[in-house]
Amino acid sequence: MGRFERVVECLKRYKPEKIIVFGSYARGETDEYSDLDFVVIKKTNKRFLERLIEVAKLLDDDLGKVDVFVYTPREFREMMEQGNPFIEEVSKDGRIVYEEKGGET
């Protein structure tokens, strides 16, 4: 299993509704130094920083540079409606790599 697949498997343990890869990997512009960028969408009442800490604990130490941003479905939807440039980039260039059956988003 490659690095990308290993990261996705680690993120699935967080029980998200959706995992989206974005950035150079999603655009097919990677090289040996590329990091992996993900947005994870999950229903939770935890604060943003708490979510990031939880996800970081799931990632194996040998996976290299991985950036993960965790949003609730409502946060993601509201940022889309507000025209948030980061979320617009994720929506435009991102690829859904996992989606829970019956997910809200």
PDB file of N, CA and C in Angstrom:
ATOM      1  N   MET A   1       0.855  -1.180   0.000  1.00  0.00           N
ATOM      2  CA  MET A   1       0.000   0.000   0.000  1.00  0.00           C
ATOM      3  C   MET A   1       0.896   1.237   0.000  1.00  0.00           C
ATOM      4  N   GLY A   2       0.610   2.175  -0.885  1.00  0.00           N
ATOM      5  CA  GLY A   2       1.397   3.398  -0.991  1.00  0.00           C
ATOM      6  C   GLY A   2       1.069   4.399   0.107  1.00  0.00           C
ATOM      7  N   ARG A   3       1.862   5.450   0.163  1.00  0.00           N
ATOM      8  CA  ARG A   3       1.701   6.487   1.184  1.00  0.00           C
ATOM      9  C   ARG A   3       0.302   7.106   1.155  1.00  0.00           C
ATOM     10  N   PHE A   4      -0.176   7.460  -0.033  1.00  0.00           N
ATOM     11  CA  PHE A   4      -1.499   8.070  -0.161  1.00  0.00           C
ATOM     12  C   PHE A   4      -2.579   7.157   0.420  1.00  0.00           C
ATOM     13  N   GLU A   5      -2.561   5.890   0.027  1.00  0.00           N
ATOM     14  CA  GLU A   5      -3.563   4.931   0.496  1.00  0.00           C
ATOM     15  C   GLU A   5      -3.472   4.739   2.008  1.00  0.00           C
ATOM     16  N   ARG A   6      -2.250   4.739   2.537  1.00  0.00           N
ATOM     17  CA  ARG A   6      -2.070   4.586   3.983  1.00  0.00           C
ATOM     18  C   ARG A   6      -2.673   5.764   4.738  1.00  0.00           C
ATOM     19  N   VAL A   7      -2.481   6.978   4.220  1.00  0.00           N
ATOM     20  CA  VAL A   7      -3.060   8.157   4.867  1.00  0.00           C
ATOM     21  C   VAL A   7      -4.584   8.073   4.842  1.00  0.00           C
ATOM     22  N   VAL A   8      -5.154   7.724   3.700  1.00  0.00           N
ATOM     23  CA  VAL A   8      -6.614   7.613   3.595  1.00  0.00           C
ATOM     24  C   VAL A   8      -7.139   6.572   4.583  1.00  0.00           C
ATOM     25  N   GLU A   9      -6.462   5.441   4.706  1.00  0.00           N
ATOM     26  CA  GLU A   9      -6.889   4.405   5.660  1.00  0.00           C
ATOM     27  C   GLU A   9      -6.835   4.933   7.094  1.00  0.00           C
ATOM     28  N   CYS A  10      -5.792   5.685   7.432  1.00  0.00           N
ATOM     29  CA  CYS A  10      -5.705   6.293   8.764  1.00  0.00           C
ATOM     30  C   CYS A  10      -6.863   7.260   8.993  1.00  0.00           C
ATOM     31  N   LEU A  11      -7.169   8.083   7.996  1.00  0.00           N
ATOM     32  CA  LEU A  11      -8.251   9.062   8.130  1.00  0.00           C
ATOM     33  C   LEU A  11      -9.617   8.398   8.236  1.00  0.00           C
ATOM     34  N   LYS A  12      -9.795   7.258   7.615  1.00  0.00           N
ATOM     35  CA  LYS A  12     -11.072   6.537   7.715  1.00  0.00           C
ATOM     36  C   LYS A  12     -11.356   6.114   9.152  1.00  0.00           C
ATOM     37  N   ARG A  13     -10.313   5.901   9.946  1.00  0.00           N
ATOM     38  CA  ARG A  13     -10.505   5.510  11.352  1.00  0.00           C
ATOM     39  C   ARG A  13     -11.160   6.627  12.154  1.00  0.00           C
ATOM     40  N   TYR A  14     -11.131   7.847  11.629  1.00  0.00           N
ATOM     41  CA  TYR A  14     -11.769   8.999  12.272  1.00  0.00           C
ATOM     42  C   TYR A  14     -13.284   9.000  12.044  1.00  0.00           C
ATOM     43  N   LYS A  15     -13.745   8.084  11.210  1.00  0.00           N
ATOM     44  CA  LYS A  15     -15.167   7.922  10.870  1.00  0.00           C
ATOM     45  C   LYS A  15     -15.774   9.197  10.260  1.00  0.00           C
ATOM     46  N   PRO A  16     -15.151   9.697   9.192  1.00  0.00           N
ATOM     47  CA  PRO A  16     -15.665  10.910   8.545  1.00  0.00           C
ATOM     48  C   PRO A  16     -16.828  10.607   7.613  1.00  0.00           C
ATOM     49  N   GLU A  17     -17.529  11.653   7.233  1.00  0.00           N
ATOM     50  CA  GLU A  17     -18.539  11.527   6.185  1.00  0.00           C
ATOM     51  C   GLU A  17     -17.868  11.571   4.820  1.00  0.00           C
ATOM     52  N   LYS A  18     -16.787  12.371   4.734  1.00  0.00           N
ATOM     53  CA  LYS A  18     -16.141  12.551   3.440  1.00  0.00           C
ATOM     54  C   LYS A  18     -14.671  12.899   3.650  1.00  0.00           C
ATOM     55  N   ILE A  19     -13.828  12.395   2.744  1.00  0.00           N
ATOM     56  CA  ILE A  19     -12.415  12.766   2.704  1.00  0.00           C
ATOM     57  C   ILE A  19     -12.139  13.298   1.301  1.00  0.00           C
ATOM     58  N   ILE A  20     -11.563  14.500   1.238  1.00  0.00           N
ATOM     59  CA  ILE A  20     -11.251  15.141  -0.041  1.00  0.00           C
ATOM     60  C   ILE A  20      -9.752  15.423  -0.085  1.00  0.00           C
ATOM     61  N   VAL A  21      -9.092  14.973  -1.134  1.00  0.00           N
ATOM     62  CA  VAL A  21      -7.692  15.345  -1.343  1.00  0.00           C
ATOM     63  C   VAL A  21      -7.687  16.565  -2.252  1.00  0.00           C
ATOM     64  N   PHE A  22      -6.808  17.520  -1.958  1.00  0.00           N
ATOM     65  CA  PHE A  22      -6.706  18.712  -2.800  1.00  0.00           C
ATOM     66  C   PHE A  22      -5.238  19.079  -2.952  1.00  0.00           C
ATOM     67  N   GLY A  23      -4.972  20.102  -3.722  1.00  0.00           N
ATOM     68  CA  GLY A  23      -3.597  20.532  -3.925  1.00  0.00           C
ATOM     69  C   GLY A  23      -2.918  19.754  -5.031  1.00  0.00           C
ATOM     70  N   SER A  24      -1.596  19.688  -4.961  1.00  0.00           N
ATOM     71  CA  SER A  24      -0.802  19.098  -6.050  1.00  0.00           C
ATOM     72  C   SER A  24      -1.168  17.643  -6.316  1.00  0.00           C
ATOM     73  N   TYR A  25      -1.487  16.888  -5.274  1.00  0.00           N
ATOM     74  CA  TYR A  25      -1.827  15.481  -5.482  1.00  0.00           C
ATOM     75  C   TYR A  25      -3.117  15.350  -6.287  1.00  0.00           C
ATOM     76  N   ALA A  26      -4.109  16.156  -5.955  1.00  0.00           N
ATOM     77  CA  ALA A  26      -5.387  16.098  -6.674  1.00  0.00           C
ATOM     78  C   ALA A  26      -5.235  16.549  -8.123  1.00  0.00           C
ATOM     79  N   ARG A  27      -4.297  17.467  -8.364  1.00  0.00           N
ATOM     80  CA  ARG A  27      -4.066  17.963  -9.721  1.00  0.00           C
ATOM     81  C   ARG A  27      -3.117  17.073 -10.517  1.00  0.00           C
ATOM     82  N   GLY A  28      -2.534  16.067  -9.873  1.00  0.00           N
ATOM     83  CA  GLY A  28      -1.593  15.180 -10.557  1.00  0.00           C
ATOM     84  C   GLY A  28      -0.245  15.827 -10.803  1.00  0.00           C
ATOM     85  N   GLU A  29       0.142  16.750  -9.936  1.00  0.00           N
ATOM     86  CA  GLU A  29       1.400  17.486 -10.095  1.00  0.00           C
ATOM     87  C   GLU A  29       2.373  17.176  -8.961  1.00  0.00           C
ATOM     88  N   THR A  30       2.485  15.933  -8.580  1.00  0.00           N
ATOM     89  CA  THR A  30       3.316  15.576  -7.435  1.00  0.00           C
ATOM     90  C   THR A  30       4.739  15.231  -7.847  1.00  0.00           C
ATOM     91  N   ASP A  31       5.610  15.361  -6.873  1.00  0.00           N
ATOM     92  CA  ASP A  31       6.970  14.854  -7.016  1.00  0.00           C
ATOM     93  C   ASP A  31       7.336  14.198  -5.684  1.00  0.00           C
ATOM     94  N   GLU A  32       8.572  13.784  -5.535  1.00  0.00           N
ATOM     95  CA  GLU A  32       8.962  13.047  -4.335  1.00  0.00           C
ATOM     96  C   GLU A  32       8.874  13.888  -3.066  1.00  0.00           C
ATOM     97  N   TYR A  33       8.800  15.216  -3.194  1.00  0.00           N
ATOM     98  CA  TYR A  33       8.754  16.097  -2.031  1.00  0.00           C
ATOM     99  C   TYR A  33       7.348  16.626  -1.738  1.00  0.00           C
ATOM    100  N   SER A  34       6.376  16.217  -2.501  1.00  0.00           N
ATOM    101  CA  SER A  34       5.015  16.733  -2.341  1.00  0.00           C
ATOM    102  C   SER A  34       4.408  16.294  -1.016  1.00  0.00           C
ATOM    103  N   ASP A  35       3.674  17.234  -0.416  1.00  0.00           N
ATOM    104  CA  ASP A  35       2.913  16.862   0.768  1.00  0.00           C
ATOM    105  C   ASP A  35       1.528  16.413   0.325  1.00  0.00           C
ATOM    106  N   LEU A  36       0.785  15.875   1.258  1.00  0.00           N
ATOM    107  CA  LEU A  36      -0.592  15.449   0.989  1.00  0.00           C
ATOM    108  C   LEU A  36      -1.518  16.394   1.738  1.00  0.00           C
ATOM    109  N   ASP A  37      -2.528  16.899   1.051  1.00  0.00           N
ATOM    110  CA  ASP A  37      -3.470  17.858   1.627  1.00  0.00           C
ATOM    111  C   ASP A  37      -4.880  17.275   1.586  1.00  0.00           C
ATOM    112  N   PHE A  38      -5.537  17.287   2.740  1.00  0.00           N
ATOM    113  CA  PHE A  38      -6.879  16.713   2.832  1.00  0.00           C
ATOM    114  C   PHE A  38      -7.823  17.641   3.580  1.00  0.00           C
ATOM    115  N   VAL A  39      -9.084  17.602   3.177  1.00  0.00           N
ATOM    116  CA  VAL A  39     -10.180  18.137   3.972  1.00  0.00           C
ATOM    117  C   VAL A  39     -11.025  16.942   4.371  1.00  0.00           C
ATOM    118  N   VAL A  40     -11.324  16.873   5.663  1.00  0.00           N
ATOM    119  CA  VAL A  40     -12.168  15.813   6.203  1.00  0.00           C
ATOM    120  C   VAL A  40     -13.447  16.474   6.690  1.00  0.00           C
ATOM    121  N   ILE A  41     -14.571  15.900   6.328  1.00  0.00           N
ATOM    122  CA  ILE A  41     -15.864  16.419   6.770  1.00  0.00           C
ATOM    123  C   ILE A  41     -16.478  15.398   7.714  1.00  0.00           C
ATOM    124  N   LYS A  42     -16.815  15.873   8.924  1.00  0.00           N
ATOM    125  CA  LYS A  42     -17.317  14.967   9.963  1.00  0.00           C
ATOM    126  C   LYS A  42     -18.271  15.721  10.881  1.00  0.00           C
ATOM    127  N   LYS A  43     -19.354  15.062  11.236  1.00  0.00           N
ATOM    128  CA  LYS A  43     -20.256  15.618  12.244  1.00  0.00           C
ATOM    129  C   LYS A  43     -19.576  15.483  13.601  1.00  0.00           C
ATOM    130  N   THR A  44     -19.428  16.605  14.283  1.00  0.00           N
ATOM    131  CA  THR A  44     -18.802  16.609  15.603  1.00  0.00           C
ATOM    132  C   THR A  44     -19.122  17.917  16.304  1.00  0.00           C
ATOM    133  N   ASN A  45     -19.079  17.886  17.626  1.00  0.00           N
ATOM    134  CA  ASN A  45     -19.254  19.100  18.418  1.00  0.00           C
ATOM    135  C   ASN A  45     -17.922  19.634  18.922  1.00  0.00           C
ATOM    136  N   LYS A  46     -16.836  18.957  18.577  1.00  0.00           N
ATOM    137  CA  LYS A  46     -15.517  19.368  19.063  1.00  0.00           C
ATOM    138  C   LYS A  46     -15.051  20.625  18.336  1.00  0.00           C
ATOM    139  N   ARG A  47     -14.207  21.387  19.028  1.00  0.00           N
ATOM    140  CA  ARG A  47     -13.652  22.605  18.433  1.00  0.00           C
ATOM    141  C   ARG A  47     -12.632  22.242  17.362  1.00  0.00           C
ATOM    142  N   PHE A  48     -12.376  23.205  16.467  1.00  0.00           N
ATOM    143  CA  PHE A  48     -11.507  22.982  15.315  1.00  0.00           C
ATOM    144  C   PHE A  48     -10.145  22.416  15.728  1.00  0.00           C
ATOM    145  N   LEU A  49      -9.484  23.031  16.700  1.00  0.00           N
ATOM    146  CA  LEU A  49      -8.157  22.560  17.114  1.00  0.00           C
ATOM    147  C   LEU A  49      -8.208  21.165  17.718  1.00  0.00           C
ATOM    148  N   GLU A  50      -9.253  20.871  18.470  1.00  0.00           N
ATOM    149  CA  GLU A  50      -9.400  19.523  19.030  1.00  0.00           C
ATOM    150  C   GLU A  50      -9.497  18.482  17.917  1.00  0.00           C
ATOM    151  N   ARG A  51     -10.206  18.824  16.861  1.00  0.00           N
ATOM    152  CA  ARG A  51     -10.340  17.905  15.726  1.00  0.00           C
ATOM    153  C   ARG A  51      -8.982  17.640  15.081  1.00  0.00           C
ATOM    154  N   LEU A  52      -8.205  18.708  14.892  1.00  0.00           N
ATOM    155  CA  LEU A  52      -6.889  18.553  14.266  1.00  0.00           C
ATOM    156  C   LEU A  52      -5.978  17.668  15.107  1.00  0.00           C
ATOM    157  N   ILE A  53      -6.047  17.828  16.413  1.00  0.00           N
ATOM    158  CA  ILE A  53      -5.234  17.002  17.312  1.00  0.00           C
ATOM    159  C   ILE A  53      -5.663  15.545  17.221  1.00  0.00           C
ATOM    160  N   GLU A  54      -6.972  15.300  17.212  1.00  0.00           N
ATOM    161  CA  GLU A  54      -7.473  13.923  17.091  1.00  0.00           C
ATOM    162  C   GLU A  54      -6.976  13.258  15.812  1.00  0.00           C
ATOM    163  N   VAL A  55      -7.051  13.972  14.705  1.00  0.00           N
ATOM    164  CA  VAL A  55      -6.618  13.415  13.421  1.00  0.00           C
ATOM    165  C   VAL A  55      -5.113  13.181  13.420  1.00  0.00           C
ATOM    166  N   ALA A  56      -4.352  14.120  13.960  1.00  0.00           N
ATOM    167  CA  ALA A  56      -2.892  13.976  13.991  1.00  0.00           C
ATOM    168  C   ALA A  56      -2.485  12.711  14.741  1.00  0.00           C
ATOM    169  N   LYS A  57      -3.217  12.364  15.779  1.00  0.00           N
ATOM    170  CA  LYS A  57      -2.910  11.154  16.557  1.00  0.00           C
ATOM    171  C   LYS A  57      -3.153   9.879  15.755  1.00  0.00           C
ATOM    172  N   LEU A  58      -4.007   9.947  14.746  1.00  0.00           N
ATOM    173  CA  LEU A  58      -4.309   8.769  13.922  1.00  0.00           C
ATOM    174  C   LEU A  58      -3.266   8.514  12.845  1.00  0.00           C
ATOM    175  N   LEU A  59      -2.518   9.549  12.477  1.00  0.00           N
ATOM    176  CA  LEU A  59      -1.567   9.425  11.372  1.00  0.00           C
ATOM    177  C   LEU A  59      -0.258   8.812  11.854  1.00  0.00           C
ATOM    178  N   ASP A  60       0.229   7.836  11.124  1.00  0.00           N
ATOM    179  CA  ASP A  60       1.499   7.199  11.448  1.00  0.00           C
ATOM    180  C   ASP A  60       2.639   8.195  11.266  1.00  0.00           C
ATOM    181  N   ASP A  61       3.659   8.084  12.101  1.00  0.00           N
ATOM    182  CA  ASP A  61       4.786   9.022  12.068  1.00  0.00           C
ATOM    183  C   ASP A  61       5.579   8.994  10.770  1.00  0.00           C
ATOM    184  N   ASP A  62       5.557   7.885  10.061  1.00  0.00           N
ATOM    185  CA  ASP A  62       6.392   7.747   8.862  1.00  0.00           C
ATOM    186  C   ASP A  62       5.670   8.139   7.570  1.00  0.00           C
ATOM    187  N   LEU A  63       4.566   8.859   7.674  1.00  0.00           N
ATOM    188  CA  LEU A  63       3.783   9.206   6.482  1.00  0.00           C
ATOM    189  C   LEU A  63       4.237  10.499   5.812  1.00  0.00           C
ATOM    190  N   GLY A  64       5.212  11.170   6.384  1.00  0.00           N
ATOM    191  CA  GLY A  64       5.695  12.403   5.774  1.00  0.00           C
ATOM    192  C   GLY A  64       4.763  13.568   6.059  1.00  0.00           C
ATOM    193  N   LYS A  65       4.892  14.606   5.255  1.00  0.00           N
ATOM    194  CA  LYS A  65       4.115  15.836   5.450  1.00  0.00           C
ATOM    195  C   LYS A  65       2.679  15.636   4.976  1.00  0.00           C
ATOM    196  N   VAL A  66       1.759  15.720   5.935  1.00  0.00           N
ATOM    197  CA  VAL A  66       0.330  15.571   5.642  1.00  0.00           C
ATOM    198  C   VAL A  66      -0.405  16.716   6.341  1.00  0.00           C
ATOM    199  N   ASP A  67      -1.185  17.474   5.591  1.00  0.00           N
ATOM    200  CA  ASP A  67      -2.014  18.537   6.158  1.00  0.00           C
ATOM    201  C   ASP A  67      -3.470  18.104   6.073  1.00  0.00           C
ATOM    202  N   VAL A  68      -4.154  18.177   7.220  1.00  0.00           N
ATOM    203  CA  VAL A  68      -5.557  17.767   7.276  1.00  0.00           C
ATOM    204  C   VAL A  68      -6.351  18.867   7.972  1.00  0.00           C
ATOM    205  N   PHE A  69      -7.440  19.286   7.336  1.00  0.00           N
ATOM    206  CA  PHE A  69      -8.355  20.264   7.906  1.00  0.00           C
ATOM    207  C   PHE A  69      -9.698  19.571   8.100  1.00  0.00           C
ATOM    208  N   VAL A  70     -10.251  19.663   9.304  1.00  0.00           N
ATOM    209  CA  VAL A  70     -11.503  18.971   9.612  1.00  0.00           C
ATOM    210  C   VAL A  70     -12.611  20.000   9.811  1.00  0.00           C
ATOM    211  N   TYR A  71     -13.670  19.852   9.032  1.00  0.00           N
ATOM    212  CA  TYR A  71     -14.826  20.735   9.122  1.00  0.00           C
ATOM    213  C   TYR A  71     -16.091  19.909   9.313  1.00  0.00           C
ATOM    214  N   THR A  72     -17.067  20.506   9.975  1.00  0.00           N
ATOM    215  CA  THR A  72     -18.377  19.869  10.047  1.00  0.00           C
ATOM    216  C   THR A  72     -19.085  20.110   8.712  1.00  0.00           C
ATOM    217  N   PRO A  73     -20.107  19.309   8.399  1.00  0.00           N
ATOM    218  CA  PRO A  73     -20.857  19.557   7.160  1.00  0.00           C
ATOM    219  C   PRO A  73     -21.412  20.987   7.105  1.00  0.00           C
ATOM    220  N   ARG A  74     -21.890  21.468   8.246  1.00  0.00           N
ATOM    221  CA  ARG A  74     -22.456  22.819   8.291  1.00  0.00           C
ATOM    222  C   ARG A  74     -21.379  23.874   8.022  1.00  0.00           C
ATOM    223  N   GLU A  75     -20.215  23.739   8.665  1.00  0.00           N
ATOM    224  CA  GLU A  75     -19.127  24.696   8.441  1.00  0.00           C
ATOM    225  C   GLU A  75     -18.721  24.730   6.969  1.00  0.00           C
ATOM    226  N   PHE A  76     -18.566  23.556   6.385  1.00  0.00           N
ATOM    227  CA  PHE A  76     -18.140  23.469   4.989  1.00  0.00           C
ATOM    228  C   PHE A  76     -19.174  24.136   4.079  1.00  0.00           C
ATOM    229  N   ARG A  77     -20.438  23.821   4.305  1.00  0.00           N
ATOM    230  CA  ARG A  77     -21.527  24.384   3.501  1.00  0.00           C
ATOM    231  C   ARG A  77     -21.584  25.914   3.644  1.00  0.00           C
ATOM    232  N   GLU A  78     -21.473  26.408   4.888  1.00  0.00           N
ATOM    233  CA  GLU A  78     -21.532  27.852   5.117  1.00  0.00           C
ATOM    234  C   GLU A  78     -20.351  28.574   4.472  1.00  0.00           C
ATOM    235  N   MET A  79     -19.163  27.982   4.545  1.00  0.00           N
ATOM    236  CA  MET A  79     -18.001  28.611   3.914  1.00  0.00           C
ATOM    237  C   MET A  79     -18.141  28.633   2.397  1.00  0.00           C
ATOM    238  N   MET A  80     -18.749  27.599   1.833  1.00  0.00           N
ATOM    239  CA  MET A  80     -19.026  27.589   0.389  1.00  0.00           C
ATOM    240  C   MET A  80     -19.972  28.730   0.036  1.00  0.00           C
ATOM    241  N   GLU A  81     -21.040  28.866   0.815  1.00  0.00           N
ATOM    242  CA  GLU A  81     -22.036  29.908   0.563  1.00  0.00           C
ATOM    243  C   GLU A  81     -21.439  31.305   0.697  1.00  0.00           C
ATOM    244  N   GLN A  82     -20.446  31.462   1.587  1.00  0.00           N
ATOM    245  CA  GLN A  82     -19.806  32.759   1.810  1.00  0.00           C
ATOM    246  C   GLN A  82     -18.699  33.040   0.797  1.00  0.00           C
ATOM    247  N   GLY A  83     -18.400  32.078  -0.063  1.00  0.00           N
ATOM    248  CA  GLY A  83     -17.363  32.274  -1.066  1.00  0.00           C
ATOM    249  C   GLY A  83     -15.949  32.215  -0.512  1.00  0.00           C
ATOM    250  N   ASN A  84     -15.734  31.426   0.538  1.00  0.00           N
ATOM    251  CA  ASN A  84     -14.400  31.270   1.121  1.00  0.00           C
ATOM    252  C   ASN A  84     -13.431  30.758   0.056  1.00  0.00           C
ATOM    253  N   PRO A  85     -12.345  31.504  -0.234  1.00  0.00           N
ATOM    254  CA  PRO A  85     -11.434  31.116  -1.318  1.00  0.00           C
ATOM    255  C   PRO A  85     -10.796  29.740  -1.122  1.00  0.00           C
ATOM    256  N   PHE A  86     -10.446  29.400   0.113  1.00  0.00           N
ATOM    257  CA  PHE A  86      -9.844  28.097   0.379  1.00  0.00           C
ATOM    258  C   PHE A  86     -10.829  26.977   0.053  1.00  0.00           C
ATOM    259  N   ILE A  87     -12.052  27.104   0.532  1.00  0.00           N
ATOM    260  CA  ILE A  87     -13.064  26.071   0.300  1.00  0.00           C
ATOM    261  C   ILE A  87     -13.427  26.013  -1.181  1.00  0.00           C
ATOM    262  N   GLU A  88     -13.451  27.158  -1.852  1.00  0.00           N
ATOM    263  CA  GLU A  88     -13.709  27.153  -3.298  1.00  0.00           C
ATOM    264  C   GLU A  88     -12.618  26.394  -4.046  1.00  0.00           C
ATOM    265  N   GLU A  89     -11.353  26.569  -3.626  1.00  0.00           N
ATOM    266  CA  GLU A  89     -10.246  25.828  -4.250  1.00  0.00           C
ATOM    267  C   GLU A  89     -10.406  24.328  -4.016  1.00  0.00           C
ATOM    268  N   VAL A  90     -10.741  23.958  -2.788  1.00  0.00           N
ATOM    269  CA  VAL A  90     -10.942  22.541  -2.465  1.00  0.00           C
ATOM    270  C   VAL A  90     -12.072  21.971  -3.314  1.00  0.00           C
ATOM    271  N   SER A  91     -13.152  22.718  -3.447  1.00  0.00           N
ATOM    272  CA  SER A  91     -14.293  22.241  -4.239  1.00  0.00           C
ATOM    273  C   SER A  91     -13.961  22.140  -5.721  1.00  0.00           C
ATOM    274  N   LYS A  92     -13.150  23.063  -6.214  1.00  0.00           N
ATOM    275  CA  LYS A  92     -12.806  23.091  -7.640  1.00  0.00           C
ATOM    276  C   LYS A  92     -11.775  22.022  -7.999  1.00  0.00           C
ATOM    277  N   ASP A  93     -10.686  21.968  -7.248  1.00  0.00           N
ATOM    278  CA  ASP A  93      -9.572  21.080  -7.580  1.00  0.00           C
ATOM    279  C   ASP A  93      -9.582  19.758  -6.823  1.00  0.00           C
ATOM    280  N   GLY A  94     -10.343  19.687  -5.742  1.00  0.00           N
ATOM    281  CA  GLY A  94     -10.303  18.503  -4.890  1.00  0.00           C
ATOM    282  C   GLY A  94     -10.963  17.283  -5.511  1.00  0.00           C
ATOM    283  N   ARG A  95     -10.545  16.125  -5.003  1.00  0.00           N
ATOM    284  CA  ARG A  95     -11.124  14.843  -5.425  1.00  0.00           C
ATOM    285  C   ARG A  95     -11.620  14.119  -4.188  1.00  0.00           C
ATOM    286  N   ILE A  96     -12.859  13.676  -4.217  1.00  0.00           N
ATOM    287  CA  ILE A  96     -13.392  12.892  -3.104  1.00  0.00           C
ATOM    288  C   ILE A  96     -12.766  11.506  -3.178  1.00  0.00           C
ATOM    289  N   VAL A  97     -12.089  11.111  -2.092  1.00  0.00           N
ATOM    290  CA  VAL A  97     -11.434   9.802  -2.070  1.00  0.00           C
ATOM    291  C   VAL A  97     -12.137   8.827  -1.138  1.00  0.00           C
ATOM    292  N   TYR A  98     -13.076   9.345  -0.343  1.00  0.00           N
ATOM    293  CA  TYR A  98     -13.896   8.483   0.509  1.00  0.00           C
ATOM    294  C   TYR A  98     -15.184   9.227   0.800  1.00  0.00           C
ATOM    295  N   GLU A  99     -16.288   8.497   0.770  1.00  0.00           N
ATOM    296  CA  GLU A  99     -17.574   9.082   1.140  1.00  0.00           C
ATOM    297  C   GLU A  99     -18.393   8.026   1.843  1.00  0.00           C
ATOM    298  N   GLU A 100     -18.818   8.356   3.053  1.00  0.00           N
ATOM    299  CA  GLU A 100     -19.657   7.458   3.834  1.00  0.00           C
ATOM    300  C   GLU A 100     -20.994   7.294   3.125  1.00  0.00           C
ATOM    301  N   LYS A 101     -21.492   6.094   3.122  1.00  0.00           N
ATOM    302  CA  LYS A 101     -22.813   5.865   2.523  1.00  0.00           C
ATOM    303  C   LYS A 101     -23.859   6.639   3.314  1.00  0.00           C
ATOM    304  N   GLY A 102     -24.668   7.412   2.602  1.00  0.00           N
ATOM    305  CA  GLY A 102     -25.720   8.184   3.255  1.00  0.00           C
ATOM    306  C   GLY A 102     -25.224   9.450   3.925  1.00  0.00           C
ATOM    307  N   GLY A 103     -24.001   9.913   3.574  1.00  0.00           N
ATOM    308  CA  GLY A 103     -23.451  11.133   4.166  1.00  0.00           C
ATOM    309  C   GLY A 103     -24.264  12.355   3.783  1.00  0.00           C
ATOM    310  N   GLU A 104     -24.212  13.376   4.626  1.00  0.00           N
ATOM    311  CA  GLU A 104     -25.021  14.584   4.441  1.00  0.00           C
ATOM    312  C   GLU A 104     -24.474  15.503   3.358  1.00  0.00           C
ATOM    313  N   THR A 105     -23.147  15.596   3.209  1.00  0.00           N
ATOM    314  CA  THR A 105     -22.567  16.585   2.298  1.00  0.00           C
ATOM    315  C   THR A 105     -22.453  16.070   0.891  1.00  0.00           C
TER     316      THR A 105
END
